[in-house]
Amino acid sequence: MVREAHKSLDDYKKAIGEYKSDLKQVQANIMGKPFDELRAIQTQMRKLYTTMKDFSEVTQNENYQLQRDIDQLSRDKHHLIQQLGFYENRLFDLEKTIGAAAKLNDDDDDSFIESEVEV
């Protein structure tokens, strides 16, 4: 009877050892899968981050260039407005000097200045 008890105890110990081994294997599988999935997700996130960073840099460069173009157009517009003012004053001075009057051309929708010299 004691021998049978020792034999049963040894069998239980073997079974417990096998269960522990199986349990460790299952635990490793359970723990390994989320880490594998996490690694895959991290890889995808890194690729997405790199893509977004590259896109952001391209967009920033494009925005910078567009802002420079807007600034240049604004300077050009301001310069043209100054020139128009100068030419308007110059035309007024010339009309005053030679006694000419400005008239709108009735034949054309655009504004043209006709000078009539008084004799």
Protein backbone atom coordinates (compact mmCIF):
# COMPACT_ATOMS: atom_id res chain seq x y z
CA MET A 1 0.00 0.00 0.00
CA VAL A 2 2.83 2.41 0.81
CA ARG A 3 4.50 1.52 -2.47
CA GLU A 4 1.32 2.22 -4.33
CA ALA A 5 1.01 5.55 -2.54
CA HIS A 6 4.62 6.43 -3.51
CA LYS A 7 3.94 5.33 -7.06
CA SER A 8 0.75 7.42 -7.18
CA LEU A 9 2.65 10.34 -5.67
CA ASP A 10 5.34 9.99 -8.33
CA ASP A 11 2.66 9.81 -11.02
CA TYR A 12 1.01 12.96 -9.60
CA LYS A 13 4.39 14.69 -9.50
CA LYS A 14 4.98 13.77 -13.16
CA ALA A 15 1.50 14.97 -14.07
CA ILE A 16 2.04 18.20 -12.12
CA GLY A 17 5.38 18.71 -13.91
CA GLU A 18 3.71 18.12 -17.29
CA TYR A 19 0.86 20.50 -16.38
CA LYS A 20 3.36 23.13 -15.24
CA SER A 21 5.28 22.72 -18.49
CA ASP A 22 2.06 22.96 -20.54
CA LEU A 23 0.93 25.94 -18.48
CA LYS A 24 4.25 27.73 -19.09
CA GLN A 25 3.97 27.00 -22.80
CA VAL A 26 0.38 28.29 -22.94
CA GLN A 27 1.38 31.35 -20.92
CA ALA A 28 4.29 32.00 -23.28
CA ASN A 29 1.92 31.71 -26.25
CA ILE A 30 -0.59 34.04 -24.62
CA MET A 31 2.08 36.58 -23.68
CA GLY A 32 3.92 36.22 -26.97
CA LYS A 33 0.96 36.93 -29.25
CA PRO A 34 0.14 40.37 -27.85
CA PHE A 35 3.82 41.30 -28.01
CA ASP A 36 4.02 40.08 -31.62
CA GLU A 37 0.87 42.04 -32.44
CA LEU A 38 2.25 45.02 -30.55
CA ARG A 39 5.46 44.84 -32.56
CA ALA A 40 3.46 44.69 -35.80
CA ILE A 41 1.36 47.66 -34.72
CA GLN A 42 4.46 49.60 -33.69
CA THR A 43 6.02 48.90 -37.08
CA GLN A 44 2.90 50.17 -38.83
CA MET A 45 2.78 53.19 -36.55
CA ARG A 46 6.43 54.01 -37.31
CA LYS A 47 5.73 53.80 -41.04
CA LEU A 48 2.66 56.00 -40.65
CA TYR A 49 4.62 58.49 -38.52
CA THR A 50 7.40 58.65 -41.11
CA THR A 51 4.88 59.15 -43.91
CA MET A 52 3.03 61.85 -41.98
CA LYS A 53 6.30 63.57 -41.04
CA ASP A 54 7.44 63.60 -44.67
CA PHE A 55 4.04 64.91 -45.77
CA SER A 56 4.18 67.58 -43.07
CA GLU A 57 7.61 68.73 -44.22
CA VAL A 58 6.45 68.89 -47.85
CA THR A 59 3.33 70.80 -46.82
CA GLN A 60 5.33 73.21 -44.66
CA ASN A 61 7.74 73.88 -47.53
CA GLU A 62 4.83 74.41 -49.90
CA ASN A 63 3.11 76.75 -47.42
CA TYR A 64 6.35 78.68 -46.96
CA GLN A 65 6.73 79.09 -50.73
CA LEU A 66 3.09 80.13 -51.12
CA GLN A 67 3.47 82.69 -48.32
CA ARG A 68 6.54 84.10 -50.06
CA ASP A 69 4.56 84.32 -53.31
CA ILE A 70 1.71 86.09 -51.49
CA ASP A 71 4.16 88.54 -49.93
CA GLN A 72 5.74 89.24 -53.32
CA LEU A 73 2.33 89.78 -54.93
CA SER A 74 1.39 92.11 -52.10
CA ARG A 75 4.57 94.13 -52.63
CA ASP A 76 3.91 94.22 -56.39
CA LYS A 77 0.33 95.39 -55.78
CA HIS A 78 1.50 98.11 -53.40
CA HIS A 79 4.11 99.22 -55.94
CA LEU A 80 1.49 99.34 -58.73
CA ILE A 81 -0.85 101.37 -56.53
CA GLN A 82 1.98 103.82 -55.85
CA GLN A 83 2.75 104.03 -59.56
CA LEU A 84 -0.91 104.66 -60.39
CA GLY A 85 -1.01 107.45 -57.83
CA PHE A 86 2.17 108.94 -59.23
CA TYR A 87 0.88 108.74 -62.82
CA GLU A 88 -2.46 110.21 -61.79
CA ASN A 89 -0.70 113.17 -60.14
CA ARG A 90 1.63 113.54 -63.12
CA LEU A 91 -1.31 113.50 -65.53
CA PHE A 92 -3.13 116.09 -63.45
CA ASP A 93 -0.01 118.29 -63.46
CA LEU A 94 0.39 117.90 -67.24
CA GLU A 95 -3.27 118.77 -67.86
CA LYS A 96 -2.91 121.78 -65.63
CA THR A 97 0.29 122.84 -67.36
CA ILE A 98 -0.95 122.56 -70.96
CA GLY A 99 -4.57 123.45 -70.23
CA ALA A 100 -5.96 120.18 -71.47
CA ALA A 101 -9.12 118.60 -70.10
CA ALA A 102 -9.61 114.88 -69.62
CA LYS A 103 -12.66 113.30 -71.25
CA LEU A 104 -13.97 109.79 -71.28
CA ASN A 105 -14.07 108.09 -74.64
CA ASP A 106 -17.73 107.37 -75.46
CA ASP A 107 -16.86 104.72 -78.07
CA ASP A 108 -15.07 102.37 -75.67
CA ASP A 109 -15.94 101.00 -72.23
CA ASP A 110 -12.34 101.42 -71.10
CA SER A 111 -11.34 104.77 -69.78
CA PHE A 112 -9.03 106.65 -72.12
CA ILE A 113 -7.95 110.18 -71.65
CA GLU A 114 -8.24 112.51 -74.60
CA SER A 115 -6.49 115.81 -74.36
CA GLU A 116 -7.87 118.84 -76.08
CA VAL A 117 -5.53 121.71 -76.38
CA GLU A 118 -7.17 125.09 -76.12
CA VAL A 119 -6.15 127.44 -78.88
